[in-house]
Amino acid sequence: MLISSAFAADQAAQPNPVMQFLPLVVIFVVFYFLIIRPQMARSKGQRKLQESLQKGDEVVTASGQLGKVVKLSAQYATLDIGGGSESIFQRAAIQIVLPKGTIKDL
C-alpha cells in the first residue's frame, strides 16, 4: 500500500511537456510581432526608397545633409549640397526623399 501511493504521487508531479515549452513559444511570438516583423517592414521600405531614387530628387542623408540628386550609380549618389558643391554618398546613407521644392523653401 505504501509503495503504490508513492508511485501515484510521482506520476502526479510530472508536468506536461507541452506546458513546459509554452512560455518559450509565447516569447518567440511576441518578439516576432513586436520586434522582428516591424524591422523587416522598415528594411523593405528603406530598400524600396533607395531603389526608386531618381535624378532631381531632394533627399536627406543619415548625417542630416540636405541635397539634390545630381548623378546616380549602382552604389553611390552624387548630391548637390548647395553653393555649387557636390558630395558623393552611398545610397544606403539616404534616409528620406523630400517633396520637390523643399530645399528652396529653406
N, C-alpha and C. Protein backbone atom coordinates (compact mmCIF):
# COMPACT_ATOMS: atom_id res chain seq x y z
N MET A 1 0.81 -1.18 0.00
CA MET A 1 0.00 0.00 0.00
C MET A 1 0.87 1.26 0.00
N LEU A 2 1.94 1.25 0.72
CA LEU A 2 2.82 2.40 0.80
C LEU A 2 3.52 2.66 -0.54
N ILE A 3 3.92 1.62 -1.22
CA ILE A 3 4.60 1.78 -2.49
C ILE A 3 3.66 2.30 -3.58
N SER A 4 2.46 1.83 -3.61
CA SER A 4 1.53 2.28 -4.65
C SER A 4 1.18 3.76 -4.47
N SER A 5 1.07 4.28 -3.24
CA SER A 5 0.76 5.70 -3.04
C SER A 5 1.97 6.57 -3.42
N ALA A 6 3.18 6.10 -3.18
CA ALA A 6 4.37 6.83 -3.59
C ALA A 6 4.48 6.88 -5.10
N PHE A 7 4.14 5.80 -5.77
CA PHE A 7 4.16 5.75 -7.23
C PHE A 7 3.11 6.70 -7.81
N ALA A 8 1.96 6.77 -7.20
CA ALA A 8 0.90 7.67 -7.66
C ALA A 8 1.30 9.12 -7.46
N ALA A 9 1.96 9.44 -6.38
CA ALA A 9 2.41 10.81 -6.12
C ALA A 9 3.46 11.22 -7.13
N ASP A 10 4.33 10.30 -7.52
CA ASP A 10 5.36 10.57 -8.52
C ASP A 10 4.74 10.86 -9.88
N GLN A 11 3.70 10.13 -10.24
CA GLN A 11 3.02 10.33 -11.52
C GLN A 11 2.31 11.68 -11.57
N ALA A 12 1.77 12.12 -10.48
CA ALA A 12 1.05 13.39 -10.44
C ALA A 12 2.00 14.58 -10.52
N ALA A 13 3.24 14.41 -10.10
CA ALA A 13 4.19 15.50 -10.08
C ALA A 13 4.81 15.78 -11.45
N GLN A 14 4.64 14.91 -12.42
CA GLN A 14 5.23 15.12 -13.75
C GLN A 14 4.44 16.19 -14.50
N PRO A 15 5.09 17.32 -14.88
CA PRO A 15 4.38 18.36 -15.63
C PRO A 15 4.22 17.94 -17.10
N ASN A 16 3.27 18.52 -17.74
CA ASN A 16 3.02 18.25 -19.14
C ASN A 16 4.15 18.87 -19.98
N PRO A 17 4.79 18.12 -20.87
CA PRO A 17 5.90 18.67 -21.65
C PRO A 17 5.48 19.85 -22.54
N VAL A 18 4.26 19.85 -23.01
CA VAL A 18 3.79 20.97 -23.83
C VAL A 18 3.74 22.25 -23.01
N MET A 19 3.32 22.14 -21.77
CA MET A 19 3.22 23.31 -20.90
C MET A 19 4.60 23.86 -20.52
N GLN A 20 5.63 23.03 -20.58
CA GLN A 20 6.98 23.50 -20.29
C GLN A 20 7.49 24.41 -21.40
N PHE A 21 7.14 24.11 -22.65
CA PHE A 21 7.63 24.89 -23.78
C PHE A 21 6.71 26.03 -24.17
N LEU A 22 5.54 26.10 -23.62
CA LEU A 22 4.57 27.14 -23.95
C LEU A 22 5.11 28.55 -23.69
N PRO A 23 5.77 28.83 -22.56
CA PRO A 23 6.31 30.18 -22.36
C PRO A 23 7.35 30.57 -23.42
N LEU A 24 8.17 29.64 -23.85
CA LEU A 24 9.15 29.94 -24.90
C LEU A 24 8.47 30.27 -26.21
N VAL A 25 7.42 29.55 -26.54
CA VAL A 25 6.68 29.81 -27.77
C VAL A 25 6.01 31.18 -27.70
N VAL A 26 5.43 31.50 -26.56
CA VAL A 26 4.78 32.81 -26.39
C VAL A 26 5.80 33.93 -26.51
N ILE A 27 6.96 33.79 -25.91
CA ILE A 27 8.00 34.80 -26.00
C ILE A 27 8.45 34.98 -27.45
N PHE A 28 8.62 33.89 -28.18
CA PHE A 28 9.02 33.99 -29.58
C PHE A 28 7.96 34.71 -30.41
N VAL A 29 6.70 34.40 -30.19
CA VAL A 29 5.61 35.05 -30.93
C VAL A 29 5.58 36.55 -30.63
N VAL A 30 5.75 36.92 -29.37
CA VAL A 30 5.77 38.34 -29.00
C VAL A 30 6.96 39.03 -29.66
N PHE A 31 8.14 38.44 -29.63
CA PHE A 31 9.31 39.01 -30.29
C PHE A 31 9.07 39.18 -31.78
N TYR A 32 8.46 38.19 -32.40
CA TYR A 32 8.23 38.26 -33.84
C TYR A 32 7.33 39.44 -34.19
N PHE A 33 6.22 39.59 -33.49
CA PHE A 33 5.28 40.65 -33.84
C PHE A 33 5.68 42.03 -33.35
N LEU A 34 6.46 42.13 -32.30
CA LEU A 34 6.85 43.43 -31.77
C LEU A 34 8.22 43.92 -32.23
N ILE A 35 9.10 43.00 -32.62
CA ILE A 35 10.46 43.40 -32.98
C ILE A 35 10.83 43.00 -34.40
N ILE A 36 10.74 41.74 -34.72
CA ILE A 36 11.25 41.24 -36.00
C ILE A 36 10.42 41.73 -37.18
N ARG A 37 9.11 41.58 -37.10
CA ARG A 37 8.25 41.95 -38.23
C ARG A 37 8.31 43.45 -38.55
N PRO A 38 8.22 44.36 -37.57
CA PRO A 38 8.34 45.78 -37.91
C PRO A 38 9.71 46.14 -38.49
N GLN A 39 10.76 45.49 -38.01
CA GLN A 39 12.10 45.76 -38.53
C GLN A 39 12.22 45.31 -39.98
N MET A 40 11.61 44.17 -40.31
CA MET A 40 11.64 43.70 -41.70
C MET A 40 10.86 44.65 -42.60
N ALA A 41 9.73 45.17 -42.13
CA ALA A 41 8.94 46.11 -42.92
C ALA A 41 9.71 47.41 -43.13
N ARG A 42 10.38 47.90 -42.09
CA ARG A 42 11.17 49.12 -42.21
C ARG A 42 12.32 48.92 -43.19
N SER A 43 12.98 47.79 -43.11
CA SER A 43 14.09 47.49 -44.02
C SER A 43 13.60 47.40 -45.46
N LYS A 44 12.46 46.78 -45.67
CA LYS A 44 11.90 46.66 -47.02
C LYS A 44 11.55 48.04 -47.58
N GLY A 45 10.97 48.90 -46.76
CA GLY A 45 10.63 50.26 -47.19
C GLY A 45 11.87 51.07 -47.52
N GLN A 46 12.91 50.94 -46.72
CA GLN A 46 14.16 51.66 -46.97
C GLN A 46 14.82 51.20 -48.26
N ARG A 47 14.81 49.89 -48.51
CA ARG A 47 15.38 49.35 -49.74
C ARG A 47 14.59 49.85 -50.96
N LYS A 48 13.27 49.91 -50.83
CA LYS A 48 12.43 50.39 -51.92
C LYS A 48 12.71 51.87 -52.20
N LEU A 49 12.89 52.66 -51.14
CA LEU A 49 13.22 54.07 -51.29
C LEU A 49 14.54 54.25 -52.03
N GLN A 50 15.55 53.48 -51.66
CA GLN A 50 16.86 53.62 -52.28
C GLN A 50 16.86 53.18 -53.74
N GLU A 51 16.03 52.19 -54.07
CA GLU A 51 15.95 51.74 -55.45
C GLU A 51 15.16 52.71 -56.32
N SER A 52 14.26 53.48 -55.73
CA SER A 52 13.42 54.38 -56.51
C SER A 52 14.01 55.79 -56.64
N LEU A 53 15.23 55.99 -56.17
CA LEU A 53 15.85 57.31 -56.29
C LEU A 53 16.00 57.69 -57.76
N GLN A 54 15.75 58.97 -58.05
CA GLN A 54 15.89 59.48 -59.40
C GLN A 54 16.68 60.77 -59.37
N LYS A 55 17.21 61.10 -60.50
CA LYS A 55 17.94 62.35 -60.64
C LYS A 55 16.96 63.50 -60.41
N GLY A 56 17.34 64.46 -59.59
CA GLY A 56 16.49 65.60 -59.28
C GLY A 56 15.74 65.48 -57.96
N ASP A 57 15.75 64.31 -57.33
CA ASP A 57 15.10 64.15 -56.03
C ASP A 57 15.85 64.93 -54.96
N GLU A 58 15.09 65.51 -54.05
CA GLU A 58 15.69 66.20 -52.91
C GLU A 58 15.65 65.23 -51.73
N VAL A 59 16.80 65.02 -51.10
CA VAL A 59 16.93 63.98 -50.10
C VAL A 59 17.62 64.48 -48.83
N VAL A 60 17.47 63.69 -47.77
CA VAL A 60 18.18 63.90 -46.52
C VAL A 60 18.99 62.64 -46.26
N THR A 61 20.27 62.80 -45.94
CA THR A 61 21.13 61.65 -45.65
C THR A 61 21.05 61.31 -44.17
N ALA A 62 21.68 60.21 -43.80
CA ALA A 62 21.70 59.77 -42.40
C ALA A 62 22.41 60.78 -41.50
N SER A 63 23.34 61.53 -42.06
CA SER A 63 24.07 62.52 -41.26
C SER A 63 23.34 63.86 -41.18
N GLY A 64 22.20 63.98 -41.88
CA GLY A 64 21.42 65.20 -41.82
C GLY A 64 21.67 66.16 -42.97
N GLN A 65 22.50 65.78 -43.92
CA GLN A 65 22.79 66.63 -45.08
C GLN A 65 21.59 66.67 -46.01
N LEU A 66 21.22 67.87 -46.44
CA LEU A 66 20.18 68.04 -47.45
C LEU A 66 20.85 68.21 -48.80
N GLY A 67 20.29 67.62 -49.82
CA GLY A 67 20.88 67.77 -51.14
C GLY A 67 19.94 67.32 -52.24
N LYS A 68 20.33 67.66 -53.45
CA LYS A 68 19.57 67.29 -54.64
C LYS A 68 20.40 66.28 -55.42
N VAL A 69 19.77 65.17 -55.81
CA VAL A 69 20.48 64.11 -56.52
C VAL A 69 20.86 64.62 -57.90
N VAL A 70 22.17 64.57 -58.20
CA VAL A 70 22.68 65.02 -59.49
C VAL A 70 23.02 63.82 -60.37
N LYS A 71 23.60 62.78 -59.75
CA LYS A 71 24.04 61.61 -60.51
C LYS A 71 23.87 60.38 -59.64
N LEU A 72 23.48 59.28 -60.29
CA LEU A 72 23.30 58.01 -59.58
C LEU A 72 24.13 56.92 -60.22
N SER A 73 24.67 56.05 -59.38
CA SER A 73 25.31 54.82 -59.86
C SER A 73 24.71 53.68 -59.04
N ALA A 74 25.24 52.49 -59.22
CA ALA A 74 24.67 51.33 -58.53
C ALA A 74 24.78 51.45 -57.01
N GLN A 75 25.89 51.96 -56.51
CA GLN A 75 26.12 52.03 -55.07
C GLN A 75 26.13 53.45 -54.50
N TYR A 76 26.33 54.45 -55.37
CA TYR A 76 26.56 55.81 -54.89
C TYR A 76 25.60 56.80 -55.54
N ALA A 77 25.38 57.92 -54.83
CA ALA A 77 24.59 59.03 -55.35
C ALA A 77 25.38 60.30 -55.13
N THR A 78 25.47 61.12 -56.16
CA THR A 78 26.14 62.40 -56.05
C THR A 78 25.08 63.45 -55.76
N LEU A 79 25.28 64.21 -54.69
CA LEU A 79 24.31 65.21 -54.27
C LEU A 79 24.89 66.60 -54.38
N ASP A 80 24.08 67.51 -54.90
CA ASP A 80 24.42 68.93 -54.90
C ASP A 80 23.95 69.47 -53.56
N ILE A 81 24.89 69.83 -52.69
CA ILE A 81 24.54 70.24 -51.33
C ILE A 81 24.49 71.76 -51.18
N GLY A 82 24.53 72.47 -52.28
CA GLY A 82 24.40 73.93 -52.24
C GLY A 82 25.72 74.61 -52.52
N GLY A 83 25.63 75.81 -53.07
CA GLY A 83 26.83 76.58 -53.36
C GLY A 83 27.67 75.98 -54.46
N GLY A 84 27.09 75.14 -55.28
CA GLY A 84 27.82 74.51 -56.38
C GLY A 84 28.72 73.36 -55.96
N SER A 85 28.66 72.98 -54.71
CA SER A 85 29.49 71.86 -54.26
C SER A 85 28.70 70.56 -54.33
N GLU A 86 29.40 69.50 -54.69
CA GLU A 86 28.78 68.18 -54.80
C GLU A 86 29.51 67.21 -53.88
N SER A 87 28.76 66.31 -53.31
CA SER A 87 29.33 65.27 -52.45
C SER A 87 28.79 63.93 -52.91
N ILE A 88 29.61 62.91 -52.71
CA ILE A 88 29.22 61.55 -53.08
C ILE A 88 28.86 60.80 -51.80
N PHE A 89 27.67 60.20 -51.81
CA PHE A 89 27.18 59.44 -50.67
C PHE A 89 26.81 58.04 -51.14
N GLN A 90 26.90 57.08 -50.23
CA GLN A 90 26.37 55.76 -50.52
C GLN A 90 24.86 55.86 -50.54
N ARG A 91 24.24 55.06 -51.40
CA ARG A 91 22.77 55.07 -51.47
C ARG A 91 22.16 54.68 -50.13
N ALA A 92 22.83 53.82 -49.39
CA ALA A 92 22.31 53.37 -48.09
C ALA A 92 22.26 54.51 -47.08
N ALA A 93 23.02 55.58 -47.30
CA ALA A 93 23.03 56.72 -46.38
C ALA A 93 21.84 57.65 -46.60
N ILE A 94 21.11 57.48 -47.69
CA ILE A 94 19.96 58.33 -47.96
C ILE A 94 18.76 57.79 -47.19
N GLN A 95 18.21 58.63 -46.33
CA GLN A 95 17.14 58.20 -45.42
C GLN A 95 15.76 58.65 -45.86
N ILE A 96 15.62 59.89 -46.39
CA ILE A 96 14.31 60.45 -46.68
C ILE A 96 14.36 61.15 -48.03
N VAL A 97 13.31 60.98 -48.82
CA VAL A 97 13.13 61.76 -50.04
C VAL A 97 12.11 62.84 -49.71
N LEU A 98 12.52 64.08 -49.91
CA LEU A 98 11.67 65.23 -49.59
C LEU A 98 10.79 65.61 -50.78
N PRO A 99 9.68 66.31 -50.52
CA PRO A 99 8.88 66.81 -51.64
C PRO A 99 9.66 67.86 -52.45
N LYS A 100 9.35 67.96 -53.72
CA LYS A 100 10.05 68.90 -54.60
C LYS A 100 9.89 70.33 -54.07
N GLY A 101 10.98 71.10 -54.11
CA GLY A 101 10.96 72.49 -53.68
C GLY A 101 11.22 72.70 -52.21
N THR A 102 11.45 71.66 -51.46
CA THR A 102 11.67 71.80 -50.01
C THR A 102 12.97 72.54 -49.73
N ILE A 103 14.02 72.20 -50.45
CA ILE A 103 15.31 72.83 -50.20
C ILE A 103 15.25 74.32 -50.54
N LYS A 104 14.56 74.67 -51.59
CA LYS A 104 14.44 76.06 -51.98
C LYS A 104 13.70 76.87 -50.92
N ASP A 105 12.73 76.24 -50.25
CA ASP A 105 11.96 76.94 -49.21
C ASP A 105 12.78 77.18 -47.95
N LEU A 106 13.84 76.41 -47.76
CA LEU A 106 14.65 76.59 -46.55
C LEU A 106 15.56 77.74 -46.78
